[in-house]
Amino acid sequence: MLIFLLAAFFSLIMFYIGFYLFQHRQKDFMLFKVSSSKPLQTLISPLSIFIMVGASICLILACFGNVYITMGAMIINILITTSSLVMLSKFL
């Protein structure tokens, strides 16, 4: 039961991160100068959508009650987020 609560909490955090990136497509945030970099603007939109979709899928699968499917969805969401951060790191 605890794994499903943690998966739901993880999904909500990941959805917030994706939503935050989506809101900052045109604004500068942290060390990124999005307003002056067109390639960064075009990269942030699909990355934020992928993160939000992955988080939504993880949240839905956590409701089914299968531990293996929930863990698989969490691992896929972790891979999506890690690859997004690696892609964003080239713009630092």
N, C-alpha and C. Protein backbone atom coordinates (compact mmCIF):
# COMPACT_ATOMS: atom_id res chain seq x y z
N MET A 1 0.82 -1.20 0.00
CA MET A 1 0.00 0.00 0.00
C MET A 1 0.86 1.26 0.00
N LEU A 2 1.96 1.21 0.72
CA LEU A 2 2.83 2.37 0.82
C LEU A 2 3.47 2.70 -0.53
N ILE A 3 3.79 1.67 -1.31
CA ILE A 3 4.41 1.92 -2.61
C ILE A 3 3.48 2.70 -3.53
N PHE A 4 2.19 2.48 -3.42
CA PHE A 4 1.24 3.19 -4.26
C PHE A 4 1.11 4.65 -3.84
N LEU A 5 1.18 4.89 -2.55
CA LEU A 5 1.16 6.28 -2.07
C LEU A 5 2.42 7.02 -2.48
N LEU A 6 3.56 6.34 -2.39
CA LEU A 6 4.81 6.96 -2.80
C LEU A 6 4.84 7.20 -4.31
N ALA A 7 4.28 6.28 -5.08
CA ALA A 7 4.21 6.46 -6.53
C ALA A 7 3.31 7.64 -6.88
N ALA A 8 2.22 7.79 -6.17
CA ALA A 8 1.33 8.93 -6.41
C ALA A 8 2.02 10.24 -6.04
N PHE A 9 2.73 10.26 -4.93
CA PHE A 9 3.47 11.45 -4.52
C PHE A 9 4.57 11.78 -5.53
N PHE A 10 5.28 10.76 -5.99
CA PHE A 10 6.31 10.92 -7.01
C PHE A 10 5.71 11.48 -8.30
N SER A 11 4.57 10.98 -8.68
CA SER A 11 3.91 11.45 -9.90
C SER A 11 3.49 12.91 -9.79
N LEU A 12 2.99 13.29 -8.63
CA LEU A 12 2.59 14.68 -8.45
C LEU A 12 3.80 15.62 -8.51
N ILE A 13 4.91 15.21 -7.94
CA ILE A 13 6.12 16.02 -8.01
C ILE A 13 6.61 16.13 -9.45
N MET A 14 6.60 15.02 -10.17
CA MET A 14 7.06 15.05 -11.57
C MET A 14 6.12 15.87 -12.44
N PHE A 15 4.83 15.80 -12.18
CA PHE A 15 3.89 16.61 -12.94
C PHE A 15 4.14 18.10 -12.68
N TYR A 16 4.44 18.45 -11.43
CA TYR A 16 4.73 19.84 -11.11
C TYR A 16 6.00 20.32 -11.83
N ILE A 17 7.02 19.47 -11.89
CA ILE A 17 8.26 19.84 -12.60
C ILE A 17 7.98 20.04 -14.08
N GLY A 18 7.20 19.15 -14.68
CA GLY A 18 6.85 19.32 -16.09
C GLY A 18 6.02 20.57 -16.33
N PHE A 19 5.10 20.84 -15.43
CA PHE A 19 4.27 22.04 -15.56
C PHE A 19 5.11 23.30 -15.39
N TYR A 20 6.07 23.27 -14.47
CA TYR A 20 6.97 24.41 -14.26
C TYR A 20 7.79 24.67 -15.52
N LEU A 21 8.32 23.61 -16.12
CA LEU A 21 9.07 23.79 -17.37
C LEU A 21 8.17 24.33 -18.47
N PHE A 22 6.94 23.83 -18.53
CA PHE A 22 6.02 24.29 -19.56
C PHE A 22 5.70 25.77 -19.40
N GLN A 23 5.56 26.22 -18.16
CA GLN A 23 5.27 27.63 -17.89
C GLN A 23 6.45 28.54 -18.20
N HIS A 24 7.66 28.00 -18.21
CA HIS A 24 8.86 28.81 -18.42
C HIS A 24 9.46 28.59 -19.81
N ARG A 25 8.61 28.38 -20.79
CA ARG A 25 9.11 28.22 -22.16
C ARG A 25 9.66 29.52 -22.72
N GLN A 26 9.14 30.65 -22.29
CA GLN A 26 9.54 31.95 -22.81
C GLN A 26 10.27 32.80 -21.78
N LYS A 27 10.33 32.35 -20.53
CA LYS A 27 10.94 33.12 -19.45
C LYS A 27 12.26 32.48 -19.03
N ASP A 28 13.18 33.32 -18.55
CA ASP A 28 14.43 32.81 -18.02
C ASP A 28 14.18 32.20 -16.65
N PHE A 29 14.85 31.09 -16.36
CA PHE A 29 14.75 30.48 -15.04
C PHE A 29 16.08 29.80 -14.72
N MET A 30 16.39 29.85 -13.46
CA MET A 30 17.63 29.29 -12.93
C MET A 30 18.82 29.81 -13.74
N LEU A 31 19.63 28.94 -14.32
CA LEU A 31 20.79 29.37 -15.09
C LEU A 31 20.50 29.44 -16.59
N PHE A 32 19.30 29.08 -16.99
CA PHE A 32 18.96 29.01 -18.41
C PHE A 32 18.41 30.33 -18.90
N LYS A 33 18.93 30.79 -20.02
CA LYS A 33 18.45 32.02 -20.67
C LYS A 33 17.56 31.60 -21.85
N VAL A 34 16.35 31.26 -21.53
CA VAL A 34 15.41 30.73 -22.53
C VAL A 34 15.01 31.81 -23.52
N SER A 35 14.87 33.03 -23.06
CA SER A 35 14.40 34.10 -23.94
C SER A 35 15.39 34.43 -25.04
N SER A 36 16.66 34.10 -24.87
CA SER A 36 17.65 34.42 -25.90
C SER A 36 18.11 33.21 -26.69
N SER A 37 17.59 32.04 -26.41
CA SER A 37 18.03 30.82 -27.09
C SER A 37 16.83 30.11 -27.72
N LYS A 38 16.73 30.21 -29.03
CA LYS A 38 15.63 29.56 -29.76
C LYS A 38 15.69 28.03 -29.67
N PRO A 39 16.89 27.39 -29.77
CA PRO A 39 16.91 25.93 -29.63
C PRO A 39 16.44 25.45 -28.26
N LEU A 40 16.75 26.23 -27.23
CA LEU A 40 16.30 25.86 -25.89
C LEU A 40 14.79 25.99 -25.76
N GLN A 41 14.22 27.00 -26.40
CA GLN A 41 12.76 27.17 -26.38
C GLN A 41 12.07 25.99 -27.04
N THR A 42 12.62 25.54 -28.16
CA THR A 42 11.99 24.42 -28.87
C THR A 42 12.21 23.09 -28.16
N LEU A 43 13.25 22.99 -27.33
CA LEU A 43 13.50 21.76 -26.60
C LEU A 43 12.64 21.64 -25.34
N ILE A 44 12.38 22.75 -24.68
CA ILE A 44 11.66 22.71 -23.40
C ILE A 44 10.21 22.27 -23.59
N SER A 45 9.57 22.68 -24.67
CA SER A 45 8.15 22.32 -24.86
C SER A 45 7.92 20.82 -24.90
N PRO A 46 8.59 20.06 -25.79
CA PRO A 46 8.32 18.61 -25.78
C PRO A 46 8.81 17.91 -24.52
N LEU A 47 9.92 18.39 -23.94
CA LEU A 47 10.40 17.76 -22.71
C LEU A 47 9.39 17.90 -21.58
N SER A 48 8.83 19.09 -21.45
CA SER A 48 7.85 19.29 -20.38
C SER A 48 6.59 18.45 -20.61
N ILE A 49 6.19 18.33 -21.84
CA ILE A 49 5.01 17.51 -22.15
C ILE A 49 5.29 16.04 -21.87
N PHE A 50 6.49 15.55 -22.25
CA PHE A 50 6.85 14.15 -21.96
C PHE A 50 6.85 13.88 -20.47
N ILE A 51 7.38 14.82 -19.69
CA ILE A 51 7.42 14.64 -18.23
C ILE A 51 6.01 14.60 -17.66
N MET A 52 5.13 15.50 -18.12
CA MET A 52 3.77 15.51 -17.60
C MET A 52 2.99 14.27 -18.02
N VAL A 53 3.19 13.80 -19.25
CA VAL A 53 2.50 12.58 -19.70
C VAL A 53 2.99 11.37 -18.91
N GLY A 54 4.32 11.29 -18.72
CA GLY A 54 4.88 10.18 -17.94
C GLY A 54 4.37 10.19 -16.51
N ALA A 55 4.27 11.36 -15.91
CA ALA A 55 3.76 11.47 -14.55
C ALA A 55 2.28 11.07 -14.48
N SER A 56 1.51 11.47 -15.48
CA SER A 56 0.09 11.10 -15.51
C SER A 56 -0.09 9.59 -15.66
N ILE A 57 0.71 8.99 -16.53
CA ILE A 57 0.62 7.53 -16.72
C ILE A 57 1.01 6.81 -15.44
N CYS A 58 2.05 7.29 -14.78
CA CYS A 58 2.49 6.67 -13.51
C CYS A 58 1.40 6.78 -12.45
N LEU A 59 0.74 7.92 -12.39
CA LEU A 59 -0.33 8.11 -11.42
C LEU A 59 -1.52 7.19 -11.71
N ILE A 60 -1.87 7.05 -12.97
CA ILE A 60 -2.98 6.17 -13.35
C ILE A 60 -2.64 4.71 -13.05
N LEU A 61 -1.41 4.30 -13.39
CA LEU A 61 -1.02 2.91 -13.15
C LEU A 61 -0.87 2.60 -11.66
N ALA A 62 -0.57 3.60 -10.86
CA ALA A 62 -0.49 3.38 -9.41
C ALA A 62 -1.86 3.04 -8.82
N CYS A 63 -2.91 3.49 -9.48
CA CYS A 63 -4.27 3.22 -9.00
C CYS A 63 -4.71 1.78 -9.26
N PHE A 64 -4.04 1.07 -10.19
CA PHE A 64 -4.45 -0.30 -10.51
C PHE A 64 -4.06 -1.31 -9.44
N GLY A 65 -3.01 -1.02 -8.68
CA GLY A 65 -2.66 -1.90 -7.58
C GLY A 65 -1.65 -2.98 -7.91
N ASN A 66 -1.05 -2.96 -9.07
CA ASN A 66 -0.02 -3.94 -9.42
C ASN A 66 1.35 -3.31 -9.15
N VAL A 67 2.12 -3.93 -8.27
CA VAL A 67 3.40 -3.37 -7.85
C VAL A 67 4.38 -3.32 -9.02
N TYR A 68 4.43 -4.35 -9.83
CA TYR A 68 5.40 -4.42 -10.91
C TYR A 68 5.12 -3.38 -12.00
N ILE A 69 3.86 -3.19 -12.33
CA ILE A 69 3.51 -2.18 -13.33
C ILE A 69 3.80 -0.78 -12.79
N THR A 70 3.50 -0.56 -11.52
CA THR A 70 3.77 0.74 -10.90
C THR A 70 5.26 1.03 -10.88
N MET A 71 6.06 0.05 -10.50
CA MET A 71 7.51 0.24 -10.47
C MET A 71 8.07 0.45 -11.88
N GLY A 72 7.53 -0.25 -12.86
CA GLY A 72 7.95 -0.04 -14.25
C GLY A 72 7.65 1.36 -14.73
N ALA A 73 6.47 1.85 -14.39
CA ALA A 73 6.11 3.21 -14.78
C ALA A 73 6.99 4.24 -14.09
N MET A 74 7.34 3.98 -12.83
CA MET A 74 8.22 4.91 -12.12
C MET A 74 9.62 4.91 -12.73
N ILE A 75 10.12 3.75 -13.10
CA ILE A 75 11.45 3.67 -13.73
C ILE A 75 11.45 4.38 -15.07
N ILE A 76 10.39 4.20 -15.86
CA ILE A 76 10.30 4.91 -17.15
C ILE A 76 10.25 6.41 -16.93
N ASN A 77 9.52 6.85 -15.92
CA ASN A 77 9.44 8.29 -15.62
C ASN A 77 10.79 8.82 -15.15
N ILE A 78 11.53 8.04 -14.39
CA ILE A 78 12.86 8.45 -13.97
C ILE A 78 13.78 8.58 -15.17
N LEU A 79 13.70 7.65 -16.11
CA LEU A 79 14.53 7.72 -17.31
C LEU A 79 14.17 8.94 -18.18
N ILE A 80 12.89 9.25 -18.28
CA ILE A 80 12.46 10.43 -19.04
C ILE A 80 13.03 11.70 -18.40
N THR A 81 12.93 11.79 -17.09
CA THR A 81 13.41 12.98 -16.39
C THR A 81 14.93 13.10 -16.48
N THR A 82 15.63 12.00 -16.31
CA THR A 82 17.09 12.03 -16.38
C THR A 82 17.56 12.41 -17.77
N SER A 83 16.94 11.85 -18.79
CA SER A 83 17.34 12.22 -20.15
C SER A 83 17.02 13.68 -20.45
N SER A 84 15.94 14.19 -19.87
CA SER A 84 15.61 15.60 -20.05
C SER A 84 16.67 16.49 -19.43
N LEU A 85 17.12 16.13 -18.24
CA LEU A 85 18.15 16.92 -17.58
C LEU A 85 19.48 16.86 -18.33
N VAL A 86 19.79 15.72 -18.89
CA VAL A 86 21.02 15.60 -19.68
C VAL A 86 20.92 16.49 -20.92
N MET A 87 19.77 16.50 -21.56
CA MET A 87 19.59 17.36 -22.74
C MET A 87 19.67 18.84 -22.38
N LEU A 88 19.11 19.21 -21.25
CA LEU A 88 19.16 20.60 -20.83
C LEU A 88 20.56 21.04 -20.38
N SER A 89 21.37 20.09 -19.95
CA SER A 89 22.70 20.46 -19.44
C SER A 89 23.62 20.97 -20.53
N LYS A 90 23.34 20.67 -21.78
CA LYS A 90 24.21 21.19 -22.85
C LYS A 90 23.99 22.69 -23.09
N PHE A 91 22.95 23.26 -22.51
CA PHE A 91 22.67 24.68 -22.66
C PHE A 91 23.22 25.50 -21.50
N LEU A 92 23.90 24.89 -20.57
CA LEU A 92 24.49 25.62 -19.44
C LEU A 92 25.72 26.38 -19.87
